[in-house]
Protein backbone atom coordinates (compact mmCIF):
# COMPACT_ATOMS: atom_id res chain seq x y z
CA UNK A 1 -50.70 79.54 115.23
CA UNK A 2 -49.19 75.82 114.68
CA UNK A 3 -47.53 74.37 117.84
CA UNK A 4 -44.02 73.29 117.96
CA UNK A 5 -42.87 69.95 118.28
CA UNK A 6 -41.37 69.59 121.44
CA UNK A 7 -37.73 68.45 121.63
CA UNK A 8 -36.90 64.94 122.20
CA UNK A 9 -34.64 64.21 125.63
CA UNK A 10 -31.67 63.26 124.38
CA UNK A 11 -31.81 66.24 122.09
CA UNK A 12 -33.02 68.39 125.03
CA UNK A 13 -30.40 66.92 127.36
CA UNK A 14 -27.63 67.87 125.06
CA UNK A 15 -28.93 71.18 124.39
CA UNK A 16 -29.32 72.25 128.15
CA UNK A 17 -25.78 70.64 129.04
CA UNK A 18 -24.01 72.64 125.75
CA UNK A 19 -25.67 75.80 127.16
CA UNK A 20 -24.70 75.58 131.01
CA UNK A 21 -21.23 75.15 129.61
CA UNK A 22 -21.19 77.93 127.56
CA UNK A 23 -22.52 80.48 130.54
CA UNK A 24 -19.81 79.24 132.80
CA UNK A 25 -17.07 79.88 130.12
CA UNK A 26 -18.89 83.13 129.45
CA UNK A 27 -18.72 84.16 132.70
CA UNK A 28 -14.85 84.82 132.75
CA UNK A 29 -15.35 87.68 129.66
CA UNK A 30 -17.78 90.11 128.91
CA UNK A 31 -21.76 89.57 130.02
CA UNK A 32 -23.73 89.07 126.97
CA UNK A 33 -26.94 90.83 127.63
CA UNK A 34 -28.02 91.92 124.50
CA UNK A 35 -27.53 95.57 123.40
CA UNK A 36 -29.68 98.64 123.85
CA UNK A 37 -28.74 102.62 122.66
CA UNK A 38 -29.16 105.30 125.27
CA UNK A 39 -27.52 108.56 124.32
CA UNK A 40 -26.76 110.21 127.43
CA UNK A 41 -23.88 112.65 128.92
CA UNK A 42 -21.93 110.85 130.85
CA UNK A 43 -18.39 110.62 130.41
CA UNK A 44 -16.38 108.39 128.32
CA UNK A 45 -15.30 106.04 131.90
CA UNK A 46 -18.74 105.79 132.75
CA UNK A 47 -20.39 104.50 129.91
CA UNK A 48 -19.84 100.74 129.89
CA UNK A 49 -20.75 100.19 133.50
CA UNK A 50 -23.80 102.52 132.75
CA UNK A 51 -25.06 100.41 129.43
CA UNK A 52 -24.31 97.36 131.65
CA UNK A 53 -26.90 98.59 134.10
CA UNK A 54 -29.39 99.53 131.75
CA UNK A 55 -29.31 96.33 130.39
CA UNK A 56 -29.32 94.09 133.71
CA UNK A 57 -31.99 96.26 134.66
CA UNK A 58 -34.02 95.43 131.53
CA UNK A 59 -33.68 91.65 132.87
CA UNK A 60 -34.77 92.17 136.41
CA UNK A 61 -30.75 91.36 137.58
CA UNK A 62 -30.84 94.52 140.06
CA UNK A 63 -28.14 93.54 142.71
CA UNK A 64 -25.64 93.31 139.50
CA UNK A 65 -27.56 96.23 138.29
CA UNK A 66 -27.05 98.39 140.98
CA UNK A 67 -23.07 97.70 141.17
CA UNK A 68 -22.63 98.23 137.61
CA UNK A 69 -24.45 101.93 138.27
CA UNK A 70 -22.88 102.71 141.17
CA UNK A 71 -19.24 102.04 139.14
CA UNK A 72 -20.77 104.44 136.61
CA UNK A 73 -20.95 107.06 139.72
CA UNK A 74 -17.07 106.39 141.19
CA UNK A 75 -16.18 106.92 136.69
CA UNK A 76 -18.32 109.99 136.52
CA UNK A 77 -19.58 111.50 140.16
CA UNK A 78 -22.01 113.93 138.46
CA UNK A 79 -23.37 111.61 136.24
CA UNK A 80 -27.28 111.89 137.07
CA UNK A 81 -28.30 109.47 134.75
CA UNK A 82 -25.97 107.06 137.22
CA UNK A 83 -28.20 108.06 140.01
CA UNK A 84 -31.28 107.84 138.02
CA UNK A 85 -30.05 103.86 137.61
CA UNK A 86 -29.47 102.91 140.34
CA UNK A 87 -32.63 104.45 142.06
CA UNK A 88 -34.50 102.02 139.24
CA UNK A 89 -33.38 99.20 140.70
CA UNK A 90 -35.61 99.42 143.80
CA UNK A 91 -38.99 99.08 141.76
CA UNK A 92 -39.71 95.75 140.41
CA UNK A 93 -43.14 96.57 138.76
CA UNK A 94 -44.13 93.52 137.76
CA UNK A 95 -43.43 92.33 141.21
CA UNK A 96 -45.30 95.05 143.12
CA UNK A 97 -42.17 95.29 144.95
CA UNK A 98 -40.58 98.96 145.73
CA UNK A 99 -37.94 100.01 148.66
CA UNK A 100 -38.61 103.84 148.48
CA UNK A 101 -36.28 104.62 151.30
CA UNK A 102 -33.39 102.70 149.60
CA UNK A 103 -34.00 104.56 146.39
CA UNK A 104 -34.31 108.44 148.03
CA UNK A 105 -31.08 107.47 149.72
CA UNK A 106 -29.31 107.06 146.19
CA UNK A 107 -30.38 110.43 144.64
CA UNK A 108 -30.12 112.17 148.16
CA UNK A 109 -26.49 111.34 147.16
CA UNK A 110 -26.60 113.36 144.17
CA UNK A 111 -28.20 116.28 145.38
CA UNK A 112 -30.26 117.10 148.89
CA UNK A 113 -33.08 118.38 146.86
CA UNK A 114 -35.09 117.65 143.57
CA UNK A 115 -33.86 121.06 142.36
CA UNK A 116 -30.67 120.28 143.41
CA UNK A 117 -30.51 117.29 141.41
CA UNK A 118 -32.16 118.62 138.26
CA UNK A 119 -29.62 121.15 138.24
CA UNK A 120 -27.17 118.41 138.09
CA UNK A 121 -28.76 116.49 135.29
CA UNK A 122 -27.26 117.91 132.01
CA UNK A 123 -29.85 117.99 129.01
CA UNK A 124 -33.48 118.49 129.39
CA UNK A 125 -34.17 114.82 128.32
CA UNK A 126 -32.14 113.80 131.27
CA UNK A 127 -34.04 115.74 133.52
CA UNK A 128 -36.97 114.21 132.27
CA UNK A 129 -36.19 111.18 133.64
CA UNK A 130 -34.88 112.29 137.00
CA UNK A 131 -38.03 114.04 136.80
CA UNK A 132 -39.98 110.64 136.61
CA UNK A 133 -38.08 108.95 139.16
CA UNK A 134 -38.68 111.88 141.31
CA UNK A 135 -42.11 111.45 141.05
CA UNK A 136 -41.98 107.31 141.63
CA UNK A 137 -40.28 108.13 144.70
CA UNK A 138 -42.11 110.99 145.89
CA UNK A 139 -44.85 111.96 148.26
CA UNK A 140 -47.98 109.27 148.78
CA UNK A 141 -49.31 106.05 148.32
CA UNK A 142 -47.10 103.50 145.93
CA UNK A 143 -49.94 102.89 143.56
CA UNK A 144 -50.87 106.94 143.31
CA UNK A 145 -46.82 107.41 142.77
CA UNK A 146 -46.53 104.31 140.03
CA UNK A 147 -49.23 106.44 138.22
CA UNK A 148 -47.93 109.63 138.31
CA UNK A 149 -44.70 107.59 137.12
CA UNK A 150 -46.41 106.47 134.36
CA UNK A 151 -48.03 109.80 132.85
CA UNK A 152 -44.18 110.67 133.24
CA UNK A 153 -42.46 108.55 131.34
CA UNK A 154 -45.23 108.87 128.68
CA UNK A 155 -44.75 112.55 128.34
CA UNK A 156 -41.12 111.87 127.98
CA UNK A 157 -41.56 109.16 125.35
CA UNK A 158 -44.27 112.03 123.02
CA UNK A 159 -41.00 114.74 123.73
CA UNK A 160 -38.58 112.07 122.56
CA UNK A 161 -40.35 109.73 119.94
CA UNK A 162 -36.73 108.22 118.98
CA UNK A 163 -36.07 107.42 122.14
CA UNK A 164 -36.10 103.80 122.58
CA UNK A 165 -35.62 103.39 126.42
CA UNK A 166 -38.33 105.88 127.25
CA UNK A 167 -40.29 103.34 125.45
CA UNK A 168 -39.14 100.73 126.90
CA UNK A 169 -39.59 102.04 130.52
CA UNK A 170 -43.14 103.15 130.22
CA UNK A 171 -44.03 99.82 128.84
CA UNK A 172 -42.79 98.51 132.00
CA UNK A 173 -44.53 101.42 133.94
CA UNK A 174 -47.88 100.52 132.57
CA UNK A 175 -47.63 97.18 133.43
CA UNK A 176 -46.86 98.07 136.83
CA UNK A 177 -49.91 100.44 137.36
CA UNK A 178 -51.79 96.90 137.96
CA UNK A 179 -49.84 96.56 141.50
CA UNK A 180 -49.61 92.98 141.01
CA UNK A 181 -53.07 92.11 139.86
CA UNK A 182 -53.36 91.88 135.69
CA UNK A 183 -55.23 94.37 134.05
CA UNK A 184 -55.51 92.57 130.67
CA UNK A 185 -56.60 95.73 128.67
CA UNK A 186 -53.19 97.68 129.75
CA UNK A 187 -51.21 94.74 129.37
CA UNK A 188 -52.00 94.40 125.59
CA UNK A 189 -51.70 97.75 125.37
CA UNK A 190 -47.88 97.24 127.00
CA UNK A 191 -47.61 94.64 124.93
CA UNK A 192 -48.15 96.51 121.51
CA UNK A 193 -45.31 98.90 122.85
CA UNK A 194 -42.86 95.94 123.28
CA UNK A 195 -43.66 94.13 120.43
CA UNK A 196 -43.38 96.85 118.04
CA UNK A 197 -39.54 97.66 119.79
CA UNK A 198 -39.00 93.65 119.51
CA UNK A 199 -39.46 93.70 115.91
CA UNK A 200 -37.46 96.54 115.09
CA UNK A 201 -35.14 95.74 117.91
CA UNK A 202 -34.67 92.35 117.87
CA UNK A 203 -31.72 92.29 120.32
CA UNK A 204 -33.03 94.39 123.11
CA UNK A 205 -33.19 92.66 126.22
CA UNK A 206 -36.37 95.09 127.72
CA UNK A 207 -38.17 94.22 124.14
CA UNK A 208 -38.10 90.48 124.71
CA UNK A 209 -38.76 90.76 128.26
CA UNK A 210 -42.05 92.94 128.34
CA UNK A 211 -43.61 91.42 125.69
CA UNK A 212 -43.31 87.96 127.51
CA UNK A 213 -44.42 89.61 130.21
CA UNK A 214 -47.57 91.59 128.57
CA UNK A 215 -48.51 88.06 126.98
CA UNK A 216 -47.98 85.47 129.46
CA UNK A 217 -51.50 83.61 129.66
CA UNK A 218 -52.87 81.12 127.74
CA UNK A 219 -55.01 83.88 125.67
CA UNK A 220 -51.83 85.83 124.68
CA UNK A 221 -48.68 83.41 125.02
CA UNK A 222 -48.91 82.61 120.84
CA UNK A 223 -48.10 86.58 120.77
CA UNK A 224 -45.49 86.27 122.44
CA UNK A 225 -43.97 83.24 121.36
CA UNK A 226 -41.17 84.67 119.41
CA UNK A 227 -39.84 86.48 121.96
CA UNK A 228 -39.50 83.71 124.66
CA UNK A 229 -37.76 81.77 121.59
CA UNK A 230 -35.30 84.73 121.20
CA UNK A 231 -34.98 86.19 124.86
CA UNK A 232 -32.58 83.47 125.89
CA UNK A 233 -30.51 84.17 123.44
CA UNK A 234 -29.98 87.72 123.45
CA UNK A 235 -29.05 88.04 127.13
CA UNK A 236 -27.22 84.16 128.08
CA UNK A 237 -25.58 85.35 130.64
CA UNK A 238 -28.68 86.80 132.59
CA UNK A 239 -30.59 83.45 134.45
CA UNK A 240 -33.41 85.15 134.62
CA UNK A 241 -33.82 85.30 130.53
CA UNK A 242 -33.15 81.79 130.69
CA UNK A 243 -36.21 81.39 133.32
CA UNK A 244 -38.49 84.56 131.66
CA UNK A 245 -38.59 81.86 128.30
CA UNK A 246 -40.85 79.24 130.40
CA UNK A 247 -43.74 82.20 130.93
CA UNK A 248 -45.03 81.58 127.34
CA UNK A 249 -43.83 77.81 127.34
CA UNK A 250 -46.33 76.94 130.64
CA UNK A 251 -49.06 79.11 128.98
CA UNK A 252 -48.80 77.16 126.22
CA UNK A 253 -47.98 73.90 127.40
CA UNK A 254 -44.44 73.37 126.01
CA UNK A 255 -43.51 71.00 128.86
CA UNK A 256 -39.99 70.11 126.89
CA UNK A 257 -39.25 73.55 126.94
CA UNK A 258 -40.19 74.76 130.59
CA UNK A 259 -37.77 72.06 131.92
CA UNK A 260 -34.87 73.16 129.62
CA UNK A 261 -35.67 76.69 130.61
CA UNK A 262 -35.53 76.71 134.44
CA UNK A 263 -33.12 74.03 134.59
CA UNK A 264 -30.40 76.16 133.05
CA UNK A 265 -31.95 79.34 135.19
CA UNK A 266 -31.74 77.15 138.24
CA UNK A 267 -28.04 77.11 138.18
CA UNK A 268 -24.97 75.19 136.59
CA UNK A 269 -24.43 73.43 139.99
CA UNK A 270 -27.43 71.41 141.18
CA UNK A 271 -26.41 70.74 144.70
CA UNK A 272 -26.89 74.41 145.85
CA UNK A 273 -30.16 74.36 144.20
CA UNK A 274 -32.88 75.95 146.48
CA UNK A 275 -36.81 76.21 146.75
CA UNK A 276 -36.85 79.02 144.16
CA UNK A 277 -39.16 80.66 141.44
CA UNK A 278 -37.24 78.80 138.74
CA UNK A 279 -36.52 75.37 140.71
CA UNK A 280 -40.34 74.88 141.14
CA UNK A 281 -41.36 75.90 137.86
CA UNK A 282 -38.84 73.33 136.64
CA UNK A 283 -40.77 71.05 139.12
CA UNK A 284 -43.74 71.47 137.80
CA UNK A 285 -42.89 71.14 134.21
CA UNK A 286 -41.48 67.48 135.33
CA UNK A 287 -44.31 66.57 136.66
CA UNK A 288 -46.62 67.83 133.56
CA UNK A 289 -44.01 65.30 131.89
CA UNK A 290 -45.02 62.83 133.72
CA UNK A 291 -41.61 62.46 135.20
CA UNK A 292 -42.44 62.05 138.44
CA UNK A 293 -39.46 60.47 140.42
CA UNK A 294 -37.73 63.02 138.91
CA UNK A 295 -39.80 65.47 140.87
CA UNK A 296 -39.39 63.92 143.82
CA UNK A 297 -35.65 63.50 143.84
CA UNK A 298 -35.49 67.61 142.92
CA UNK A 299 -38.30 68.31 146.19
CA UNK A 300 -35.72 66.42 148.08
CA UNK A 301 -32.76 68.22 147.14
CA UNK A 302 -34.42 71.61 147.63
CA UNK A 303 -36.06 70.26 150.77
CA UNK A 304 -31.88 69.49 152.25
CA UNK A 305 -31.12 72.61 151.23
CA UNK A 306 -33.84 74.67 153.27
CA UNK A 307 -31.16 74.92 156.49
CA UNK A 308 -28.89 76.70 154.41
CA UNK A 309 -31.28 79.13 153.30
CA UNK A 310 -34.80 79.50 155.72
CA UNK A 311 -35.41 82.82 153.89
CA UNK A 312 -39.63 83.34 154.31
CA UNK A 313 -39.69 83.00 150.09
CA UNK A 314 -37.46 80.07 150.14
CA UNK A 315 -40.44 78.34 152.37
CA UNK A 316 -42.93 79.76 150.71
CA UNK A 317 -41.69 77.99 146.97
CA UNK A 318 -40.94 74.40 149.06
CA UNK A 319 -44.61 74.15 150.33
CA UNK A 320 -45.79 75.23 147.04
CA UNK A 321 -43.43 72.56 145.27
CA UNK A 322 -45.01 69.67 148.12
CA UNK A 323 -48.40 70.68 147.60
CA UNK A 324 -48.15 70.17 143.68
CA UNK A 325 -46.08 67.25 143.79
CA UNK A 326 -48.74 65.79 146.37
CA UNK A 327 -51.50 66.75 144.17
CA UNK A 328 -50.21 66.22 140.24
CA UNK A 329 -48.34 62.81 140.88
CA UNK A 330 -51.16 60.38 140.89
CA UNK A 331 -50.64 57.29 142.44
CA UNK A 332 -47.26 58.99 144.49
CA UNK A 333 -47.71 58.16 147.70
CA UNK A 334 -44.90 58.50 150.61
CA UNK A 335 -43.53 60.59 153.57
CA UNK A 336 -43.57 64.25 151.63
CA UNK A 337 -46.96 64.93 153.09
CA UNK A 338 -45.60 63.82 156.63
CA UNK A 339 -42.58 65.86 156.85
CA UNK A 340 -42.58 69.00 159.31
CA UNK A 341 -41.86 72.01 157.48
CA UNK A 342 -42.63 75.39 158.83
CA UNK A 343 -45.45 77.11 157.21
CA UNK A 344 -46.16 80.07 159.47
CA UNK A 345 -44.02 82.46 157.72
CA UNK A 346 -45.61 81.54 153.91
CA UNK A 347 -48.52 83.45 154.08
CA UNK A 348 -52.28 82.76 153.83
CA UNK A 349 -52.40 81.94 150.66
CA UNK A 350 -49.47 79.20 150.55
CA UNK A 351 -50.96 77.85 153.97
CA UNK A 352 -54.41 77.01 152.37
CA UNK A 353 -52.42 75.46 149.49
CA UNK A 354 -50.43 73.09 151.85
CA UNK A 355 -53.60 72.47 153.76
CA UNK A 356 -55.47 71.55 150.88
CA UNK A 357 -52.89 69.44 149.15
CA UNK A 358 -52.77 67.38 152.78
CA UNK A 359 -56.76 66.55 153.17
CA UNK A 360 -56.41 66.01 149.46
CA UNK A 361 -53.50 63.58 149.77
CA UNK A 362 -55.71 61.85 153.04
CA UNK A 363 -58.77 61.41 151.09
CA UNK A 364 -56.88 59.76 148.06
CA UNK A 365 -55.58 57.23 150.96
CA UNK A 366 -58.70 57.06 152.39
CA UNK A 367 -58.49 58.90 155.53
CA UNK A 368 -61.45 60.64 155.60
CA UNK A 369 -60.66 61.92 159.20
CA UNK A 370 -57.55 63.37 158.37
CA UNK A 371 -59.02 65.10 155.20
CA UNK A 372 -61.30 66.83 158.19
CA UNK A 373 -59.04 67.93 160.08
CA UNK A 374 -57.20 69.47 157.26
CA UNK A 375 -60.85 70.84 155.70
CA UNK A 376 -60.58 72.58 159.70
CA UNK A 377 -57.35 73.80 158.78
CA UNK A 378 -57.85 75.33 155.30
CA UNK A 379 -61.31 77.08 156.82
CA UNK A 380 -59.16 78.89 159.50
CA UNK A 381 -57.10 80.02 156.54
CA UNK A 382 -60.00 81.87 155.38
CA UNK A 383 -59.24 84.57 158.61
CA UNK A 384 -56.40 86.09 156.38
CA UNK A 385 -54.41 89.40 156.24
CA UNK A 386 -53.76 90.34 152.32
CA UNK A 387 -51.15 92.76 153.93
CA UNK A 388 -48.85 89.86 155.02
CA UNK A 389 -49.40 87.64 152.40
CA UNK A 390 -46.86 87.45 149.09
CA UNK A 391 -49.19 85.89 146.86
CA UNK A 392 -51.30 89.60 146.92
CA UNK A 393 -54.52 90.52 146.80
CA UNK A 394 -55.56 87.78 144.82
CA UNK A 395 -54.85 85.78 147.55
CA UNK A 396 -58.30 85.91 149.23
CA UNK A 397 -60.15 84.24 145.93
CA UNK A 398 -57.77 81.30 145.88
CA UNK A 399 -58.48 80.71 149.48
CA UNK A 400 -62.02 80.49 148.42
CA UNK A 401 -61.71 78.20 145.64
CA UNK A 402 -59.12 75.53 147.72
CA UNK A 403 -61.74 76.19 150.92
CA UNK A 404 -65.03 74.67 148.47
CA UNK A 405 -62.80 72.17 146.71
CA UNK A 406 -61.52 70.51 149.90
CA UNK A 407 -65.28 70.62 151.29
CA UNK A 408 -66.72 69.32 148.61
CA UNK A 409 -64.44 66.51 148.33
CA UNK A 410 -65.27 65.95 152.00
CA UNK A 411 -68.77 65.73 151.38
CA UNK A 412 -68.20 63.06 148.93
CA UNK A 413 -65.98 61.25 150.85
CA UNK A 414 -69.20 61.27 153.42
CA UNK A 415 -71.53 59.81 150.71
CA UNK A 416 -73.17 63.01 150.59
CA UNK A 417 -73.05 63.42 146.35
CA UNK A 418 -75.23 66.32 145.34
CA UNK A 419 -73.71 69.05 147.95
CA UNK A 420 -70.50 67.49 147.69
CA UNK A 421 -70.53 68.50 143.81
CA UNK A 422 -72.78 71.75 144.04
CA UNK A 423 -69.10 72.55 146.05
CA UNK A 424 -67.40 72.04 143.33
CA UNK A 425 -69.08 74.00 140.64
CA UNK A 426 -69.17 76.97 143.28
CA UNK A 427 -65.21 76.43 142.87
CA UNK A 428 -65.11 76.29 139.53
CA UNK A 429 -67.34 79.24 138.86
CA UNK A 430 -65.53 81.14 141.16
CA UNK A 431 -62.15 80.51 139.14
CA UNK A 432 -63.83 81.46 135.93
CA UNK A 433 -64.38 85.13 137.13
CA UNK A 434 -60.32 85.24 137.75
CA UNK A 435 -58.54 87.18 135.62
CA UNK A 436 -55.86 84.20 134.56
CA UNK A 437 -52.51 84.64 135.72
CA UNK A 438 -48.70 83.33 134.88
CA UNK A 439 -47.11 79.91 135.74
CA UNK A 440 -48.10 77.12 137.79
CA UNK A 441 -50.97 77.59 139.21
CA UNK A 442 -52.34 78.62 143.06
CA UNK A 443 -55.47 76.95 142.58
CA UNK A 444 -53.07 73.81 143.04
CA UNK A 445 -55.93 71.27 141.88
CA UNK A 446 -58.19 73.26 139.07
CA UNK A 447 -60.93 73.43 139.64
CA UNK A 448 -62.35 72.52 136.32
CA UNK A 449 -60.20 69.53 136.09
CA UNK A 450 -61.56 68.39 139.41
CA UNK A 451 -64.81 68.77 138.75
CA UNK A 452 -64.60 66.86 135.47
CA UNK A 453 -62.94 63.95 137.29
CA UNK A 454 -65.84 63.97 139.99
CA UNK A 455 -68.82 63.99 137.31
CA UNK A 456 -66.92 61.37 135.19
CA UNK A 457 -66.57 58.85 138.30
CA UNK A 458 -70.25 59.26 138.57
CA UNK A 459 -71.43 58.68 135.29
CA UNK A 460 -71.97 62.21 133.83
CA UNK A 461 -69.49 61.74 130.45
CA UNK A 462 -70.90 64.97 129.01
CA UNK A 463 -70.64 67.44 131.92
CA UNK A 464 -67.07 66.11 132.46
CA UNK A 465 -65.95 66.41 129.09
CA UNK A 466 -67.37 69.79 129.16
CA UNK A 467 -65.00 70.87 131.96
CA UNK A 468 -61.94 69.24 131.05
CA UNK A 469 -62.29 71.57 127.69
CA UNK A 470 -62.76 74.37 130.01
CA UNK A 471 -59.38 73.62 132.01
CA UNK A 472 -57.19 72.89 129.18
CA UNK A 473 -58.85 76.42 127.92
CA UNK A 474 -57.46 77.98 131.52
CA UNK A 475 -53.79 75.50 130.99
CA UNK A 476 -53.08 74.06 127.87
CA UNK A 477 -51.70 70.48 127.64
CA UNK A 478 -51.84 69.75 131.48
CA UNK A 479 -52.09 66.31 131.37
CA UNK A 480 -54.44 65.41 133.85
CA UNK A 481 -57.21 67.53 132.17
CA UNK A 482 -55.88 65.84 129.00
CA UNK A 483 -56.57 62.51 130.51
CA UNK A 484 -59.90 63.57 131.61
CA UNK A 485 -61.26 64.65 128.14
CA UNK A 486 -59.83 61.43 126.77
CA UNK A 487 -62.13 59.03 128.82
CA UNK A 488 -64.94 61.12 129.18
CA UNK A 489 -65.42 61.89 125.22
CA UNK A 490 -64.88 58.21 124.68
CA UNK A 491 -67.60 57.73 127.44
CA UNK A 492 -69.79 60.22 125.96
CA UNK A 493 -69.18 59.25 122.39
CA UNK A 494 -66.96 61.56 120.64
CA UNK A 495 -64.44 59.48 119.28
CA UNK A 496 -62.84 61.97 117.55
CA UNK A 497 -62.17 64.61 120.25
CA UNK A 498 -61.14 61.34 122.28
CA UNK A 499 -58.52 60.17 119.95
CA UNK A 500 -57.14 64.04 119.68
CA UNK A 501 -56.96 64.02 123.42
CA UNK A 502 -54.47 60.36 123.91
CA UNK A 503 -52.15 61.30 121.11
CA UNK A 504 -51.62 64.66 122.52
CA UNK A 505 -51.45 62.86 126.09
CA UNK A 506 -49.12 60.39 124.70
CA UNK A 507 -47.30 62.74 123.06
CA UNK A 508 -46.82 64.71 126.10
CA UNK A 509 -45.90 61.90 128.48
CA UNK A 510 -43.77 60.21 125.79
CA UNK A 511 -40.82 60.50 128.21
CA UNK A 512 -42.59 60.17 131.19
CA UNK A 513 -41.62 57.52 133.86
CA UNK A 514 -43.57 53.88 133.25
CA UNK A 515 -46.56 52.98 134.70
CA UNK A 516 -48.08 56.49 135.77
CA UNK A 517 -51.86 56.05 135.77
CA UNK A 518 -52.78 56.61 132.45
CA UNK A 519 -49.84 56.51 130.22
CA UNK A 520 -50.33 52.89 129.20
CA UNK A 521 -53.77 53.48 128.50
CA UNK A 522 -52.79 56.65 125.94
CA UNK A 523 -50.24 54.05 124.25
CA UNK A 524 -53.49 51.33 123.79
CA UNK A 525 -55.78 54.24 122.75
CA UNK A 526 -53.51 55.32 120.13
CA UNK A 527 -52.00 51.86 119.09
CA UNK A 528 -55.70 51.08 118.37
CA UNK A 529 -56.52 53.84 116.99
CA UNK A 530 -53.51 53.53 114.54
CA UNK A 531 -54.11 50.19 113.91
CA UNK A 532 -57.57 50.39 112.34
CA UNK A 533 -56.55 53.33 110.42
CA UNK A 534 -54.23 50.62 108.58
C-alpha cells in the first residue's frame, strides 16, 4: 500500500483549528457519534437516549454512555436493554478493566435474580443479550467470565445473523479474551468481523473503532488505515475517536496525522491539558517530527497541571512523557531530568522506564557515577508485583529489556566493550520475542535502535545497518532509526539504502527545529544526491 504524503504544517494547523471550532459549536447541538441500527422493545421515549448510549459505548465514552442509558431507564423503567447497556459500561475489554460489582448493582435494579431479570426482557433476542451480560458479571475469575461472555455473544450472533450489533460486540469480546496482551490470531479474527461490518456500514462507530484496535500494529496497520481515516469523521464529537485514529498513524509512522489527531483529542483548551493518553501520544509525535522545543513546552504544561489532578494514571503518563523527552530529544539537556516527581504510585514498569531514562541521560552527560546509581535503581525494579502494575503482565519483559540496556551502556561507559555489546544484544533478542504492541514504545529506547547506534560507533557498519532495519520494521519511520540506517548504510557501502533513508528522514523532519542532530546532515545528503542526478 503506498504511503500517504504527510500534510504540510500550515494546512495541518488550519485543519486542526477548523475541527476544534466545529466540535465546540457542535457541543450545543445533538452529538455526532455515528449511526447504529439496534431494534428493541423499549418505549419510543427511551429510543434516543438508548441509541445514543450504544453509540457512546462503541466509542468507549463510558461515563457519557452510563448517563444515556440511565436516561433511557427513566423514560422506560422496564426496558431491560437499558440496564444491559449501563452494565456494559463497566467492562473495558481492550484495557483489561472491569468493575463487576458496579455492574451487578445495575443489574440488581432491573431484578433481584437472573431469572427475574430474564422475565423482564421482552423478546428472545433481548434475553440473549441479557444472558450474555449475566455471564460476564457472574461467578468466577475475570478471564473465565470473559470467555463465557464471548461464547454467549458468538451464539447470539449465530442465532440472529442479521444483528450487526451482536457481531460488533462479539468482535470486541474476542479482543478482550487476551486480558490486555495482544493475541495476534484472535485480534485478526476480530478484525475480520469488524472489517466486514465497516465495509457494509461505513458510519458505524464500533465497526471502524474495532478495526483499528484489531490492526494497530506495524504489520497489520495498513488494513486499518481506511478505518482510521474515517473514524474521526464518523464520530467527530467523541474525543476518543479523534485519538483512536492515531493508533494506526503511529504504527505506520504518520507523524503529522498523529499530532493532528491528538491535538484535537486533548481538548480545545490547552491550559487545562493534563498528562493523559492523548497528550502523551501528541508529545511522542512532536518528538518524531523533530519539534523538540514544542514537545518540551507541552511537557512543562502538563507538569504544571499535575497538582490539579494527581491521580496515579496522570503521574504515570507524565513520568513516561519525561522519559520519552530525555531519550528522544538528542542534544536536549536541561532541568527535566532533575524535576522532583513522585513515582511511588506509577507501578514497577514505569519506575523502571524512569530509572532507565535518568541513567541514559546521565551517561549522555558523561556522569558515569549517576548512571551507575540509576542502574542500581533499575535493577531493584526487577522485584515487581504484576498485579500492582498498570501496564499489566508484559511489564516484566519490558523491565528485563531496560535492565540489560542500561547495564550494557554502563559497561560500555566503563570500557567493557564486549560485555556491554553482549547485554545490548540480549535486550534486542528479548524484544524480538515480544508481540508487537501499539503506541509509543514502553521500551523507551528501542533495543535494536540502541544496538545499532553502539555498533555503528564501534565501526561495525554492516551489523548496525541490520539492527536499524529491524528497528524500523518494528517502528516504521522512527527518525532516530532512519538516521542510523542512513549513516550505517552509507558507511557499509550501500548508497541506495542510504539515499532512501536520508530522503525519508528529511520528509519526517521537514518542520523540525533547526539544528537538531542529523537534520542538517540529511538536508546536505539529499541535496548532494539531487545535484548528482542533474
